[in-house]
Amino acid sequence: MKKYFSSHIAIFSFFYSISIHATGPAEACAKLIDDGLLEQAVSICTEAAEAGDRPSQTLLGELYDQQGDSENTALWWYQAANAGYQPARNLLAMKYYYGGSVFGPEKGWSKDYPAAFKLWSEDAEKGIAASQFMTGVMYFNSEGVEKDLPEAWFWLSLSLENGYKLATDVLIELSTKITPQQKNIAREKLSIYHQQQPAAAPE
């Protein structure tokens, strides 16, 4: 199970490349990174990040992450994540989940499943399919939360409904572990969840 996820969750990591044609610091930050001008990007991205631009804070954190500077990476990702910027929240959750990256531990980071679960489960509640997937995986593996197969089935099924195809393989594996009674509990929760969603506006 662990080996399976190590080879597949790398797909889950977010990378940001924004093509824009504007003159503000935030736009210039993204454009310089998009063009591969990383040294020039640092000062411009810092200006935008210090002004509170969440995407720039996230991009700046990625630049520091590439340099192995965990302190500044965390500094900027925390600011964006604490403001609710989901891409930064996901990047932090990934660091907590692996204690670094999918390729192994990294200096300045330590594995913290409860912290990863908190970020992903909060975003799962907001409808983020990839976060729903990881929430389901963590319930399945008892990582940062008590093992709960009905909860795992619920979140993985919801993730798949929202287009996250990796959930299919995990649900197949889960089907060999979950009992019919547990699956009924999960199905009931999924049914209640759908009933509570606002009706789609007529076209």
N, C-alpha and C. Protein backbone atom coordinates (compact mmCIF):
# COMPACT_ATOMS: atom_id res chain seq x y z
N MET A 1 0.84 -1.21 0.00
CA MET A 1 0.00 0.00 0.00
C MET A 1 0.87 1.25 0.00
N LYS A 2 1.88 1.31 0.89
CA LYS A 2 2.75 2.48 0.97
C LYS A 2 3.50 2.68 -0.34
N LYS A 3 4.02 1.59 -0.90
CA LYS A 3 4.78 1.69 -2.14
C LYS A 3 3.89 2.19 -3.25
N TYR A 4 2.65 1.72 -3.28
CA TYR A 4 1.71 2.17 -4.30
C TYR A 4 1.54 3.67 -4.26
N PHE A 5 1.33 4.22 -3.05
CA PHE A 5 1.10 5.65 -2.95
C PHE A 5 2.36 6.44 -3.24
N SER A 6 3.53 5.92 -2.86
CA SER A 6 4.77 6.64 -3.13
C SER A 6 4.98 6.82 -4.62
N SER A 7 4.51 5.87 -5.42
CA SER A 7 4.73 5.94 -6.86
C SER A 7 3.65 6.74 -7.58
N HIS A 8 2.55 7.01 -6.91
CA HIS A 8 1.44 7.68 -7.60
C HIS A 8 1.13 9.07 -7.08
N ILE A 9 1.36 9.35 -5.80
CA ILE A 9 0.94 10.63 -5.25
C ILE A 9 1.82 11.76 -5.75
N ALA A 10 2.97 11.45 -6.36
CA ALA A 10 3.79 12.51 -6.94
C ALA A 10 2.98 13.33 -7.93
N ILE A 11 2.01 12.67 -8.58
CA ILE A 11 1.15 13.37 -9.54
C ILE A 11 0.37 14.47 -8.85
N PHE A 12 0.18 14.29 -7.54
CA PHE A 12 -0.68 15.19 -6.78
C PHE A 12 -0.04 16.54 -6.54
N SER A 13 1.28 16.63 -6.60
CA SER A 13 1.96 17.88 -6.30
C SER A 13 1.55 18.96 -7.29
N PHE A 14 1.32 20.17 -6.79
CA PHE A 14 0.89 21.28 -7.63
C PHE A 14 2.10 22.09 -8.11
N PHE A 15 2.10 22.44 -9.40
CA PHE A 15 3.10 23.34 -9.93
C PHE A 15 2.36 24.47 -10.63
N TYR A 16 2.86 25.68 -10.50
CA TYR A 16 2.13 26.84 -10.99
C TYR A 16 2.95 27.57 -12.04
N SER A 17 2.37 27.72 -13.21
CA SER A 17 3.00 28.48 -14.27
C SER A 17 1.91 29.31 -14.92
N ILE A 18 2.01 30.63 -14.77
CA ILE A 18 0.92 31.51 -15.20
C ILE A 18 1.41 32.40 -16.34
N SER A 19 0.75 32.34 -17.47
CA SER A 19 1.10 33.20 -18.60
C SER A 19 0.27 34.47 -18.53
N ILE A 20 0.94 35.60 -18.32
CA ILE A 20 0.23 36.87 -18.22
C ILE A 20 1.03 37.96 -18.93
N HIS A 21 0.36 39.02 -19.22
CA HIS A 21 1.00 40.14 -19.91
C HIS A 21 0.55 41.42 -19.22
N ALA A 22 1.09 41.66 -18.02
CA ALA A 22 0.75 42.86 -17.26
C ALA A 22 2.01 43.36 -16.58
N THR A 23 1.89 44.46 -15.86
CA THR A 23 3.10 45.12 -15.37
C THR A 23 3.22 45.12 -13.84
N GLY A 24 2.22 44.68 -13.10
CA GLY A 24 2.29 44.70 -11.64
C GLY A 24 3.29 43.67 -11.13
N PRO A 25 3.76 43.84 -9.86
CA PRO A 25 4.73 42.91 -9.30
C PRO A 25 4.25 41.46 -9.30
N ALA A 26 2.98 41.22 -8.96
CA ALA A 26 2.48 39.85 -8.92
C ALA A 26 2.53 39.21 -10.31
N GLU A 27 2.11 39.98 -11.31
CA GLU A 27 2.13 39.45 -12.68
C GLU A 27 3.56 39.27 -13.17
N ALA A 28 4.41 40.22 -12.82
CA ALA A 28 5.81 40.13 -13.23
C ALA A 28 6.49 38.93 -12.57
N CYS A 29 6.16 38.67 -11.32
CA CYS A 29 6.69 37.51 -10.61
C CYS A 29 6.37 36.22 -11.37
N ALA A 30 5.10 36.04 -11.69
CA ALA A 30 4.69 34.82 -12.39
C ALA A 30 5.32 34.73 -13.77
N LYS A 31 5.43 35.88 -14.46
CA LYS A 31 5.97 35.88 -15.82
C LYS A 31 7.46 35.51 -15.81
N LEU A 32 8.21 36.05 -14.87
CA LEU A 32 9.64 35.74 -14.79
C LEU A 32 9.86 34.26 -14.50
N ILE A 33 9.05 33.70 -13.62
CA ILE A 33 9.17 32.27 -13.32
C ILE A 33 8.77 31.44 -14.53
N ASP A 34 7.72 31.86 -15.20
CA ASP A 34 7.27 31.17 -16.40
C ASP A 34 8.35 31.17 -17.47
N ASP A 35 9.14 32.25 -17.52
CA ASP A 35 10.21 32.37 -18.51
C ASP A 35 11.52 31.74 -18.03
N GLY A 36 11.53 31.20 -16.81
CA GLY A 36 12.73 30.56 -16.30
C GLY A 36 13.78 31.52 -15.78
N LEU A 37 13.41 32.77 -15.57
CA LEU A 37 14.36 33.78 -15.08
C LEU A 37 14.27 33.84 -13.55
N LEU A 38 14.75 32.79 -12.91
CA LEU A 38 14.50 32.59 -11.49
C LEU A 38 15.24 33.58 -10.60
N GLU A 39 16.48 33.91 -10.95
CA GLU A 39 17.23 34.85 -10.13
C GLU A 39 16.56 36.22 -10.12
N GLN A 40 16.12 36.65 -11.30
CA GLN A 40 15.45 37.95 -11.38
C GLN A 40 14.09 37.90 -10.68
N ALA A 41 13.50 36.72 -10.63
CA ALA A 41 12.15 36.60 -10.07
C ALA A 41 12.13 36.83 -8.56
N VAL A 42 13.23 36.50 -7.87
CA VAL A 42 13.20 36.54 -6.41
C VAL A 42 12.83 37.92 -5.88
N SER A 43 13.49 38.98 -6.38
CA SER A 43 13.22 40.31 -5.84
C SER A 43 11.81 40.77 -6.19
N ILE A 44 11.37 40.51 -7.42
CA ILE A 44 10.02 40.93 -7.83
C ILE A 44 8.97 40.14 -7.06
N CYS A 45 9.19 38.83 -6.91
CA CYS A 45 8.23 38.00 -6.18
C CYS A 45 8.17 38.40 -4.71
N THR A 46 9.32 38.78 -4.15
CA THR A 46 9.35 39.22 -2.76
C THR A 46 8.53 40.49 -2.59
N GLU A 47 8.65 41.41 -3.53
CA GLU A 47 7.87 42.65 -3.47
C GLU A 47 6.38 42.34 -3.47
N ALA A 48 5.96 41.46 -4.36
CA ALA A 48 4.54 41.10 -4.45
C ALA A 48 4.10 40.32 -3.21
N ALA A 49 4.97 39.43 -2.73
CA ALA A 49 4.64 38.62 -1.55
C ALA A 49 4.48 39.50 -0.32
N GLU A 50 5.39 40.46 -0.15
CA GLU A 50 5.31 41.35 1.01
C GLU A 50 4.07 42.25 0.95
N ALA A 51 3.56 42.46 -0.25
CA ALA A 51 2.33 43.24 -0.40
C ALA A 51 1.09 42.39 -0.14
N GLY A 52 1.30 41.09 0.12
CA GLY A 52 0.18 40.22 0.49
C GLY A 52 -0.42 39.44 -0.64
N ASP A 53 0.25 39.38 -1.80
CA ASP A 53 -0.29 38.60 -2.91
C ASP A 53 -0.06 37.11 -2.66
N ARG A 54 -1.14 36.36 -2.49
CA ARG A 54 -1.02 34.95 -2.10
C ARG A 54 -0.36 34.07 -3.16
N PRO A 55 -0.71 34.20 -4.44
CA PRO A 55 0.01 33.40 -5.44
C PRO A 55 1.51 33.69 -5.46
N SER A 56 1.89 34.97 -5.28
CA SER A 56 3.31 35.31 -5.26
C SER A 56 4.00 34.72 -4.04
N GLN A 57 3.32 34.73 -2.91
CA GLN A 57 3.89 34.11 -1.72
C GLN A 57 4.15 32.62 -1.96
N THR A 58 3.21 31.99 -2.64
CA THR A 58 3.35 30.56 -2.93
C THR A 58 4.48 30.30 -3.92
N LEU A 59 4.55 31.12 -4.96
CA LEU A 59 5.62 30.98 -5.94
C LEU A 59 6.98 31.25 -5.31
N LEU A 60 7.06 32.26 -4.46
CA LEU A 60 8.32 32.58 -3.80
C LEU A 60 8.75 31.42 -2.91
N GLY A 61 7.80 30.84 -2.23
CA GLY A 61 8.10 29.67 -1.42
C GLY A 61 8.65 28.53 -2.26
N GLU A 62 8.09 28.35 -3.45
CA GLU A 62 8.59 27.30 -4.34
C GLU A 62 10.02 27.58 -4.79
N LEU A 63 10.32 28.85 -5.05
CA LEU A 63 11.70 29.20 -5.43
C LEU A 63 12.68 28.84 -4.31
N TYR A 64 12.31 29.18 -3.07
CA TYR A 64 13.17 28.84 -1.94
C TYR A 64 13.24 27.33 -1.74
N ASP A 65 12.13 26.66 -1.99
CA ASP A 65 12.11 25.21 -1.85
C ASP A 65 13.09 24.55 -2.82
N GLN A 66 13.15 25.08 -4.04
CA GLN A 66 14.09 24.54 -5.03
C GLN A 66 15.54 24.73 -4.58
N GLN A 67 15.78 25.74 -3.76
CA GLN A 67 17.12 26.01 -3.26
C GLN A 67 17.42 25.26 -1.96
N GLY A 68 16.44 24.52 -1.45
CA GLY A 68 16.62 23.80 -0.21
C GLY A 68 16.54 24.67 1.03
N ASP A 69 15.95 25.87 0.88
CA ASP A 69 15.82 26.81 1.99
C ASP A 69 14.45 26.59 2.65
N SER A 70 14.38 25.65 3.58
CA SER A 70 13.10 25.29 4.18
C SER A 70 12.52 26.41 5.04
N GLU A 71 13.39 27.22 5.65
CA GLU A 71 12.91 28.29 6.53
C GLU A 71 12.10 29.32 5.75
N ASN A 72 12.65 29.80 4.63
CA ASN A 72 11.93 30.78 3.84
C ASN A 72 10.78 30.15 3.07
N THR A 73 10.92 28.90 2.70
CA THR A 73 9.81 28.20 2.05
C THR A 73 8.60 28.20 2.99
N ALA A 74 8.84 27.76 4.23
CA ALA A 74 7.75 27.70 5.20
C ALA A 74 7.19 29.08 5.51
N LEU A 75 8.08 30.07 5.62
CA LEU A 75 7.64 31.44 5.92
C LEU A 75 6.56 31.90 4.96
N TRP A 76 6.81 31.74 3.66
CA TRP A 76 5.87 32.25 2.66
C TRP A 76 4.67 31.34 2.47
N TRP A 77 4.89 30.04 2.54
CA TRP A 77 3.74 29.14 2.40
C TRP A 77 2.79 29.26 3.58
N TYR A 78 3.33 29.45 4.78
CA TYR A 78 2.46 29.63 5.95
C TYR A 78 1.59 30.87 5.79
N GLN A 79 2.18 31.95 5.29
CA GLN A 79 1.39 33.19 5.14
C GLN A 79 0.23 32.97 4.17
N ALA A 80 0.54 32.35 3.04
CA ALA A 80 -0.52 32.10 2.05
C ALA A 80 -1.53 31.08 2.57
N ALA A 81 -1.04 30.03 3.21
CA ALA A 81 -1.93 28.98 3.72
C ALA A 81 -2.84 29.51 4.81
N ASN A 82 -2.30 30.31 5.71
CA ASN A 82 -3.10 30.85 6.79
C ASN A 82 -4.17 31.82 6.29
N ALA A 83 -3.95 32.37 5.11
CA ALA A 83 -4.96 33.24 4.50
C ALA A 83 -5.98 32.44 3.69
N GLY A 84 -5.82 31.10 3.71
CA GLY A 84 -6.78 30.24 3.03
C GLY A 84 -6.46 29.93 1.58
N TYR A 85 -5.24 30.25 1.13
CA TYR A 85 -4.89 30.01 -0.28
C TYR A 85 -4.60 28.52 -0.46
N GLN A 86 -5.48 27.83 -1.16
CA GLN A 86 -5.45 26.38 -1.20
C GLN A 86 -4.17 25.78 -1.79
N PRO A 87 -3.62 26.33 -2.88
CA PRO A 87 -2.38 25.74 -3.39
C PRO A 87 -1.26 25.71 -2.36
N ALA A 88 -1.12 26.76 -1.57
CA ALA A 88 -0.09 26.78 -0.53
C ALA A 88 -0.41 25.78 0.57
N ARG A 89 -1.68 25.64 0.89
CA ARG A 89 -2.10 24.66 1.89
C ARG A 89 -1.74 23.24 1.43
N ASN A 90 -1.94 22.97 0.16
CA ASN A 90 -1.61 21.64 -0.36
C ASN A 90 -0.11 21.39 -0.32
N LEU A 91 0.68 22.39 -0.71
CA LEU A 91 2.13 22.24 -0.70
C LEU A 91 2.64 21.97 0.71
N LEU A 92 2.11 22.69 1.68
CA LEU A 92 2.50 22.44 3.07
C LEU A 92 2.09 21.04 3.52
N ALA A 93 0.87 20.65 3.16
CA ALA A 93 0.40 19.32 3.54
C ALA A 93 1.30 18.24 2.95
N MET A 94 1.77 18.44 1.73
CA MET A 94 2.68 17.48 1.12
C MET A 94 3.97 17.37 1.91
N LYS A 95 4.51 18.51 2.34
CA LYS A 95 5.74 18.51 3.13
C LYS A 95 5.54 17.75 4.44
N TYR A 96 4.39 17.99 5.08
CA TYR A 96 4.09 17.30 6.33
C TYR A 96 3.92 15.80 6.09
N TYR A 97 3.28 15.45 5.00
CA TYR A 97 2.97 14.05 4.73
C TYR A 97 4.25 13.24 4.51
N TYR A 98 5.17 13.81 3.77
CA TYR A 98 6.41 13.09 3.44
C TYR A 98 7.59 13.45 4.34
N GLY A 99 7.47 14.52 5.12
CA GLY A 99 8.64 15.00 5.84
C GLY A 99 9.67 15.54 4.85
N GLY A 100 9.18 16.00 3.72
CA GLY A 100 10.02 16.49 2.63
C GLY A 100 9.24 16.40 1.34
N SER A 101 9.63 15.48 0.49
CA SER A 101 8.93 15.29 -0.78
C SER A 101 8.70 13.80 -1.02
N VAL A 102 8.03 13.49 -2.11
CA VAL A 102 7.78 12.10 -2.47
C VAL A 102 9.08 11.34 -2.67
N PHE A 103 10.17 12.06 -2.93
CA PHE A 103 11.45 11.42 -3.17
C PHE A 103 12.22 11.11 -1.88
N GLY A 104 11.74 11.64 -0.75
CA GLY A 104 12.39 11.33 0.51
C GLY A 104 12.42 12.50 1.47
N PRO A 105 12.94 12.29 2.68
CA PRO A 105 13.02 13.36 3.68
C PRO A 105 13.89 14.52 3.19
N GLU A 106 13.57 15.71 3.69
CA GLU A 106 14.35 16.90 3.34
C GLU A 106 14.70 17.67 4.60
N LYS A 107 15.86 18.29 4.60
CA LYS A 107 16.32 19.06 5.74
C LYS A 107 15.35 20.19 6.06
N GLY A 108 15.02 20.32 7.34
CA GLY A 108 14.14 21.39 7.77
C GLY A 108 12.68 20.98 7.85
N TRP A 109 12.36 19.77 7.36
CA TRP A 109 10.99 19.29 7.40
C TRP A 109 10.94 17.98 8.17
N SER A 110 9.86 17.74 8.85
CA SER A 110 9.67 16.46 9.53
C SER A 110 8.25 15.97 9.26
N LYS A 111 8.12 14.67 9.23
CA LYS A 111 6.81 14.07 8.94
C LYS A 111 5.85 14.40 10.07
N ASP A 112 4.66 14.87 9.70
CA ASP A 112 3.65 15.26 10.68
C ASP A 112 2.28 14.94 10.08
N TYR A 113 1.86 13.69 10.22
CA TYR A 113 0.59 13.27 9.64
C TYR A 113 -0.61 14.08 10.15
N PRO A 114 -0.71 14.35 11.47
CA PRO A 114 -1.87 15.13 11.93
C PRO A 114 -1.96 16.50 11.27
N ALA A 115 -0.81 17.17 11.06
CA ALA A 115 -0.83 18.48 10.42
C ALA A 115 -1.27 18.37 8.97
N ALA A 116 -0.79 17.34 8.27
CA ALA A 116 -1.20 17.12 6.88
C ALA A 116 -2.69 16.82 6.81
N PHE A 117 -3.15 15.97 7.71
CA PHE A 117 -4.57 15.61 7.71
C PHE A 117 -5.45 16.82 7.97
N LYS A 118 -5.04 17.67 8.89
CA LYS A 118 -5.83 18.87 9.20
C LYS A 118 -6.01 19.74 7.95
N LEU A 119 -4.94 19.99 7.23
CA LEU A 119 -5.03 20.83 6.03
C LEU A 119 -5.90 20.18 4.97
N TRP A 120 -5.63 18.91 4.68
CA TRP A 120 -6.37 18.25 3.60
C TRP A 120 -7.83 18.03 3.96
N SER A 121 -8.12 17.66 5.21
CA SER A 121 -9.52 17.41 5.57
C SER A 121 -10.33 18.70 5.55
N GLU A 122 -9.72 19.82 5.95
CA GLU A 122 -10.42 21.10 5.89
C GLU A 122 -10.73 21.47 4.45
N ASP A 123 -9.78 21.25 3.54
CA ASP A 123 -10.02 21.58 2.14
C ASP A 123 -10.95 20.56 1.48
N ALA A 124 -10.94 19.33 1.99
CA ALA A 124 -11.88 18.32 1.48
C ALA A 124 -13.31 18.78 1.74
N GLU A 125 -13.54 19.35 2.91
CA GLU A 125 -14.88 19.86 3.25
C GLU A 125 -15.31 20.97 2.31
N LYS A 126 -14.34 21.67 1.72
CA LYS A 126 -14.64 22.76 0.80
C LYS A 126 -14.81 22.28 -0.64
N GLY A 127 -14.69 20.96 -0.85
CA GLY A 127 -14.95 20.41 -2.18
C GLY A 127 -13.74 20.22 -3.07
N ILE A 128 -12.52 20.32 -2.51
CA ILE A 128 -11.31 20.15 -3.31
C ILE A 128 -11.07 18.65 -3.52
N ALA A 129 -11.18 18.20 -4.77
CA ALA A 129 -11.15 16.76 -5.06
C ALA A 129 -9.85 16.10 -4.63
N ALA A 130 -8.71 16.73 -4.89
CA ALA A 130 -7.43 16.13 -4.52
C ALA A 130 -7.30 16.02 -3.01
N SER A 131 -7.82 17.00 -2.28
CA SER A 131 -7.79 16.95 -0.82
C SER A 131 -8.74 15.88 -0.29
N GLN A 132 -9.87 15.70 -0.97
CA GLN A 132 -10.78 14.62 -0.60
C GLN A 132 -10.09 13.27 -0.79
N PHE A 133 -9.32 13.14 -1.86
CA PHE A 133 -8.58 11.91 -2.12
C PHE A 133 -7.61 11.62 -0.98
N MET A 134 -6.79 12.62 -0.61
CA MET A 134 -5.79 12.39 0.42
C MET A 134 -6.44 12.16 1.78
N THR A 135 -7.57 12.81 2.04
CA THR A 135 -8.30 12.56 3.28
C THR A 135 -8.74 11.10 3.34
N GLY A 136 -9.27 10.60 2.23
CA GLY A 136 -9.66 9.20 2.16
C GLY A 136 -8.48 8.26 2.35
N VAL A 137 -7.36 8.58 1.71
CA VAL A 137 -6.15 7.76 1.84
C VAL A 137 -5.69 7.70 3.30
N MET A 138 -5.74 8.84 3.98
CA MET A 138 -5.25 8.88 5.36
C MET A 138 -6.19 8.14 6.30
N TYR A 139 -7.48 8.19 6.06
CA TYR A 139 -8.41 7.36 6.83
C TYR A 139 -8.15 5.87 6.56
N PHE A 140 -7.85 5.52 5.34
CA PHE A 140 -7.58 4.14 4.95
C PHE A 140 -6.31 3.63 5.64
N ASN A 141 -5.26 4.44 5.65
CA ASN A 141 -3.96 4.02 6.17
C ASN A 141 -3.76 4.32 7.65
N SER A 142 -4.73 4.98 8.29
CA SER A 142 -4.58 5.41 9.68
C SER A 142 -3.35 6.30 9.83
N GLU A 143 -3.30 7.35 9.02
CA GLU A 143 -2.20 8.30 9.04
C GLU A 143 -2.70 9.64 9.57
N GLY A 144 -2.34 9.94 10.82
CA GLY A 144 -2.77 11.20 11.42
C GLY A 144 -4.20 11.19 11.90
N VAL A 145 -4.87 10.05 11.77
CA VAL A 145 -6.26 9.93 12.17
C VAL A 145 -6.53 8.44 12.37
N GLU A 146 -7.49 8.13 13.22
CA GLU A 146 -7.82 6.73 13.46
C GLU A 146 -8.37 6.09 12.19
N LYS A 147 -7.98 4.85 11.93
CA LYS A 147 -8.45 4.14 10.74
C LYS A 147 -9.97 4.08 10.74
N ASP A 148 -10.57 4.44 9.60
CA ASP A 148 -12.03 4.47 9.49
C ASP A 148 -12.38 4.17 8.04
N LEU A 149 -12.72 2.92 7.76
CA LEU A 149 -12.96 2.54 6.36
C LEU A 149 -14.22 3.17 5.77
N PRO A 150 -15.32 3.33 6.51
CA PRO A 150 -16.45 4.06 5.93
C PRO A 150 -16.09 5.50 5.55
N GLU A 151 -15.32 6.19 6.41
CA GLU A 151 -14.89 7.55 6.07
C GLU A 151 -13.97 7.53 4.86
N ALA A 152 -13.09 6.56 4.79
CA ALA A 152 -12.20 6.44 3.63
C ALA A 152 -13.02 6.26 2.36
N TRP A 153 -14.00 5.37 2.41
CA TRP A 153 -14.83 5.10 1.23
C TRP A 153 -15.62 6.36 0.83
N PHE A 154 -16.16 7.06 1.82
CA PHE A 154 -16.92 8.27 1.55
C PHE A 154 -16.08 9.31 0.83
N TRP A 155 -14.89 9.62 1.37
CA TRP A 155 -14.07 10.68 0.79
C TRP A 155 -13.47 10.27 -0.56
N LEU A 156 -13.09 9.04 -0.69
CA LEU A 156 -12.56 8.58 -1.97
C LEU A 156 -13.64 8.58 -3.04
N SER A 157 -14.85 8.17 -2.68
CA SER A 157 -15.96 8.19 -3.63
C SER A 157 -16.30 9.61 -4.05
N LEU A 158 -16.30 10.52 -3.09
CA LEU A 158 -16.58 11.92 -3.40
C LEU A 158 -15.49 12.49 -4.29
N SER A 159 -14.25 12.15 -4.01
CA SER A 159 -13.14 12.59 -4.85
C SER A 159 -13.30 12.11 -6.28
N LEU A 160 -13.68 10.84 -6.43
CA LEU A 160 -13.88 10.29 -7.78
C LEU A 160 -15.03 11.00 -8.49
N GLU A 161 -16.11 11.25 -7.78
CA GLU A 161 -17.24 11.98 -8.36
C GLU A 161 -16.81 13.35 -8.86
N ASN A 162 -15.85 13.94 -8.17
CA ASN A 162 -15.37 15.27 -8.53
C ASN A 162 -14.22 15.24 -9.54
N GLY A 163 -13.97 14.05 -10.10
CA GLY A 163 -13.05 13.96 -11.22
C GLY A 163 -11.64 13.51 -10.90
N TYR A 164 -11.37 13.09 -9.65
CA TYR A 164 -10.01 12.68 -9.30
C TYR A 164 -9.86 11.19 -9.56
N LYS A 165 -9.31 10.84 -10.72
CA LYS A 165 -9.31 9.47 -11.21
C LYS A 165 -8.46 8.51 -10.40
N LEU A 166 -7.42 9.01 -9.72
CA LEU A 166 -6.58 8.12 -8.90
C LEU A 166 -7.39 7.41 -7.83
N ALA A 167 -8.52 7.98 -7.46
CA ALA A 167 -9.35 7.37 -6.42
C ALA A 167 -9.86 6.00 -6.84
N THR A 168 -9.98 5.75 -8.13
CA THR A 168 -10.51 4.47 -8.61
C THR A 168 -9.69 3.30 -8.08
N ASP A 169 -8.38 3.35 -8.24
CA ASP A 169 -7.52 2.24 -7.82
C ASP A 169 -7.57 2.02 -6.32
N VAL A 170 -7.63 3.12 -5.56
CA VAL A 170 -7.67 2.98 -4.11
C VAL A 170 -9.02 2.40 -3.66
N LEU A 171 -10.09 2.80 -4.32
CA LEU A 171 -11.40 2.25 -3.99
C LEU A 171 -11.45 0.76 -4.29
N ILE A 172 -10.79 0.32 -5.36
CA ILE A 172 -10.73 -1.11 -5.67
C ILE A 172 -10.04 -1.86 -4.54
N GLU A 173 -8.92 -1.32 -4.06
CA GLU A 173 -8.21 -1.95 -2.95
C GLU A 173 -9.05 -1.90 -1.68
N LEU A 174 -9.70 -0.78 -1.44
CA LEU A 174 -10.53 -0.63 -0.25
C LEU A 174 -11.68 -1.63 -0.26
N SER A 175 -12.20 -1.95 -1.44
CA SER A 175 -13.33 -2.88 -1.54
C SER A 175 -12.98 -4.28 -1.03
N THR A 176 -11.69 -4.60 -0.96
CA THR A 176 -11.26 -5.90 -0.44
C THR A 176 -11.16 -5.88 1.09
N LYS A 177 -11.26 -4.70 1.70
CA LYS A 177 -11.09 -4.56 3.14
C LYS A 177 -12.40 -4.20 3.86
N ILE A 178 -13.25 -3.45 3.19
CA ILE A 178 -14.44 -2.91 3.84
C ILE A 178 -15.55 -3.96 3.88
N THR A 179 -16.29 -3.98 4.98
CA THR A 179 -17.40 -4.93 5.10
C THR A 179 -18.66 -4.33 4.46
N PRO A 180 -19.64 -5.17 4.11
CA PRO A 180 -20.90 -4.63 3.56
C PRO A 180 -21.56 -3.63 4.51
N GLN A 181 -21.49 -3.90 5.81
CA GLN A 181 -22.09 -2.98 6.77
C GLN A 181 -21.38 -1.63 6.76
N GLN A 182 -20.06 -1.66 6.69
CA GLN A 182 -19.30 -0.41 6.65
C GLN A 182 -19.59 0.36 5.36
N LYS A 183 -19.71 -0.36 4.26
CA LYS A 183 -20.01 0.31 3.00
C LYS A 183 -21.38 0.95 3.04
N ASN A 184 -22.35 0.30 3.67
CA ASN A 184 -23.69 0.88 3.80
C ASN A 184 -23.64 2.17 4.61
N ILE A 185 -22.82 2.20 5.65
CA ILE A 185 -22.66 3.43 6.44
C ILE A 185 -22.11 4.55 5.56
N ALA A 186 -21.11 4.21 4.75
CA ALA A 186 -20.51 5.21 3.86
C ALA A 186 -21.50 5.68 2.81
N ARG A 187 -22.25 4.76 2.25
CA ARG A 187 -23.24 5.13 1.23
C ARG A 187 -24.32 6.04 1.81
N GLU A 188 -24.72 5.75 3.03
CA GLU A 188 -25.73 6.58 3.68
C GLU A 188 -25.19 8.00 3.88
N LYS A 189 -23.95 8.09 4.32
CA LYS A 189 -23.34 9.41 4.51
C LYS A 189 -23.24 10.15 3.18
N LEU A 190 -22.88 9.44 2.11
CA LEU A 190 -22.77 10.07 0.80
C LEU A 190 -24.14 10.54 0.32
N SER A 191 -25.17 9.75 0.58
CA SER A 191 -26.53 10.13 0.20
C SER A 191 -26.97 11.39 0.94
N ILE A 192 -26.71 11.43 2.24
CA ILE A 192 -27.08 12.62 3.04
C ILE A 192 -26.31 13.84 2.53
N TYR A 193 -25.03 13.64 2.23
CA TYR A 193 -24.20 14.74 1.72
C TYR A 193 -24.83 15.33 0.44
N HIS A 194 -25.23 14.46 -0.49
CA HIS A 194 -25.82 14.94 -1.74
C HIS A 194 -27.15 15.67 -1.49
N GLN A 195 -27.92 15.17 -0.56
CA GLN A 195 -29.20 15.80 -0.25
C GLN A 195 -29.02 17.20 0.31
N GLN A 196 -27.90 17.42 0.97
CA GLN A 196 -27.66 18.71 1.61
C GLN A 196 -27.02 19.74 0.67
N GLN A 197 -26.63 19.29 -0.51
CA GLN A 197 -26.02 20.23 -1.44
C GLN A 197 -27.08 21.10 -2.10
N PRO A 198 -26.79 22.37 -2.34
CA PRO A 198 -27.77 23.25 -2.99
C PRO A 198 -28.06 22.77 -4.41
N ALA A 199 -29.31 22.92 -4.79
CA ALA A 199 -29.72 22.50 -6.13
C ALA A 199 -29.03 23.38 -7.18
N ALA A 200 -28.68 22.77 -8.29
CA ALA A 200 -28.04 23.52 -9.38
C ALA A 200 -29.03 24.51 -9.97
N ALA A 201 -28.52 25.69 -10.29
CA ALA A 201 -29.38 26.72 -10.88
C ALA A 201 -29.78 26.30 -12.29
N PRO A 202 -31.04 26.52 -12.68
CA PRO A 202 -31.47 26.16 -14.03
C PRO A 202 -30.70 26.96 -15.09
N GLU A 203 -30.43 26.29 -16.19
CA GLU A 203 -29.70 26.98 -17.28
C GLU A 203 -30.64 27.87 -18.08
